[in-house]
């Protein structure tokens, strides 16, 4: 079962061709992976390295590149979430309601209408 992986864009294809031409050149790998990370093609990059590793089982570079791509792909999930802004504070709302209730009760007891004056 294979996952549905979108294909590389034109630039990714060009960079992969450079990688495949001289597989031992780390700079070519760096450019290819950086492009794929920036443009959202990490799954396609991983597939290319997996296919290379299958075709060249003696190669040690492809498995390392797959690990690197996996690490890059997981980074957004590893970032700590920003704290949630607490604009609404239930404790403050309850305090305001309590003060309003007490003020209303006091006004009703001492400042309200005291009856009809002749």
Protein backbone atom coordinates (compact mmCIF):
# COMPACT_ATOMS: atom_id res chain seq x y z
CA UNK A 1 0.00 0.00 0.00
CA UNK A 2 1.46 3.34 -1.02
CA UNK A 3 0.41 6.73 0.21
CA UNK A 4 -0.85 9.33 -2.21
CA UNK A 5 2.16 11.65 -2.38
CA UNK A 6 1.96 14.76 -4.55
CA UNK A 7 4.74 14.95 -7.16
CA UNK A 8 7.66 17.34 -7.00
CA UNK A 9 7.40 20.67 -8.78
CA UNK A 10 9.71 21.55 -11.66
CA UNK A 11 12.41 22.99 -9.44
CA UNK A 12 12.28 19.93 -7.18
CA UNK A 13 12.69 17.67 -10.21
CA UNK A 14 15.66 19.72 -11.40
CA UNK A 15 17.30 19.64 -7.97
CA UNK A 16 16.68 15.87 -7.65
CA UNK A 17 18.37 15.37 -11.04
CA UNK A 18 21.41 17.19 -9.65
CA UNK A 19 21.35 15.01 -6.52
CA UNK A 20 21.11 11.80 -8.54
CA UNK A 21 23.94 12.89 -10.87
CA UNK A 22 26.41 13.25 -7.98
CA UNK A 23 24.79 11.50 -5.03
CA UNK A 24 27.78 11.99 -2.75
CA UNK A 25 27.63 15.81 -2.87
CA UNK A 26 26.10 17.05 0.42
CA UNK A 27 25.44 20.54 -0.99
CA UNK A 28 23.12 19.08 -3.63
CA UNK A 29 21.19 17.19 -0.96
CA UNK A 30 20.96 20.35 1.13
CA UNK A 31 19.53 22.39 -1.75
CA UNK A 32 17.03 19.68 -2.66
CA UNK A 33 15.77 19.14 0.89
CA UNK A 34 15.66 22.88 1.63
CA UNK A 35 13.53 23.46 -1.46
CA UNK A 36 11.19 20.59 -0.59
CA UNK A 37 10.82 21.82 3.00
CA UNK A 38 10.08 25.37 1.87
CA UNK A 39 7.58 24.36 -0.81
CA UNK A 40 5.86 21.54 1.10
CA UNK A 41 7.28 18.60 -0.84
CA UNK A 42 8.92 16.67 2.02
CA UNK A 43 6.80 13.54 1.40
CA UNK A 44 7.88 13.51 -2.24
CA UNK A 45 11.51 14.01 -1.21
CA UNK A 46 11.28 11.11 1.25
CA UNK A 47 9.82 8.93 -1.49
CA UNK A 48 12.73 9.80 -3.81
CA UNK A 49 15.26 8.84 -1.14
CA UNK A 50 13.34 5.67 -0.30
CA UNK A 51 13.29 4.66 -3.96
CA UNK A 52 17.02 5.43 -4.21
CA UNK A 53 17.71 3.37 -1.11
CA UNK A 54 15.76 0.44 -2.56
CA UNK A 55 17.69 0.64 -5.83
CA UNK A 56 21.04 1.16 -4.05
CA UNK A 57 20.88 -0.85 -0.79
CA UNK A 58 24.60 -0.32 -0.16
CA UNK A 59 24.17 3.46 -0.04
CA UNK A 60 24.37 5.01 3.43
CA UNK A 61 23.33 8.53 2.45
CA UNK A 62 19.69 7.90 1.53
CA UNK A 63 18.65 6.48 4.94
CA UNK A 64 20.26 9.47 6.65
CA UNK A 65 18.42 11.84 4.35
CA UNK A 66 15.14 10.05 5.12
CA UNK A 67 15.82 10.57 8.83
CA UNK A 68 16.55 14.24 8.20
CA UNK A 69 13.36 14.69 6.19
CA UNK A 70 11.34 12.92 8.88
CA UNK A 71 12.83 15.24 11.49
CA UNK A 72 11.97 18.31 9.40
CA UNK A 73 8.45 17.08 8.75
CA UNK A 74 7.81 16.60 12.47
CA UNK A 75 9.11 20.02 13.56
CA UNK A 76 5.77 21.86 13.31
CA UNK A 77 4.27 19.34 15.73
CA UNK A 78 7.16 19.71 18.19
CA UNK A 79 6.87 23.49 18.51
CA UNK A 80 5.37 24.60 21.81
CA UNK A 81 1.97 26.15 21.45
CA UNK A 82 1.63 29.82 22.18
CA UNK A 83 -0.23 30.52 25.41
CA UNK A 84 -3.89 31.26 24.94
CA UNK A 85 -4.81 34.86 25.53
CA UNK A 86 -7.20 35.08 28.49
CA UNK A 87 -9.18 38.20 27.64
CA UNK A 88 -12.27 36.75 29.27
CA UNK A 89 -11.69 36.00 32.94
CA UNK A 90 -14.59 34.27 34.69
CA UNK A 91 -13.37 35.32 38.17
CA UNK A 92 -13.50 38.99 37.23
CA UNK A 93 -16.99 38.60 35.75
CA UNK A 94 -18.26 36.97 38.95
CA UNK A 95 -16.75 39.76 41.06
CA UNK A 96 -18.46 42.44 38.94
CA UNK A 97 -21.81 40.63 39.20
CA UNK A 98 -21.42 40.30 42.99
CA UNK A 99 -20.59 43.99 43.41
CA UNK A 100 -23.55 44.97 41.21
CA UNK A 101 -25.88 42.72 43.22
CA UNK A 102 -24.72 44.18 46.55
CA UNK A 103 -24.98 47.74 45.19
CA UNK A 104 -28.48 47.03 43.90
CA UNK A 105 -29.54 45.57 47.25
CA UNK A 106 -28.14 48.54 49.18
CA UNK A 107 -29.82 51.01 46.84
CA UNK A 108 -33.08 49.15 47.21
CA UNK A 109 -32.84 49.18 50.99
CA UNK A 110 -31.61 52.72 51.59
CA UNK A 111 -31.91 54.81 48.45
CA UNK A 112 -35.10 53.61 46.91
CA UNK A 113 -38.61 55.08 47.12
CA UNK A 114 -39.75 55.31 50.81
CA UNK A 115 -43.37 55.80 50.32
CA UNK A 116 -45.71 58.59 49.31
CA UNK A 117 -45.31 61.95 51.00
CA UNK A 118 -48.42 64.03 51.34
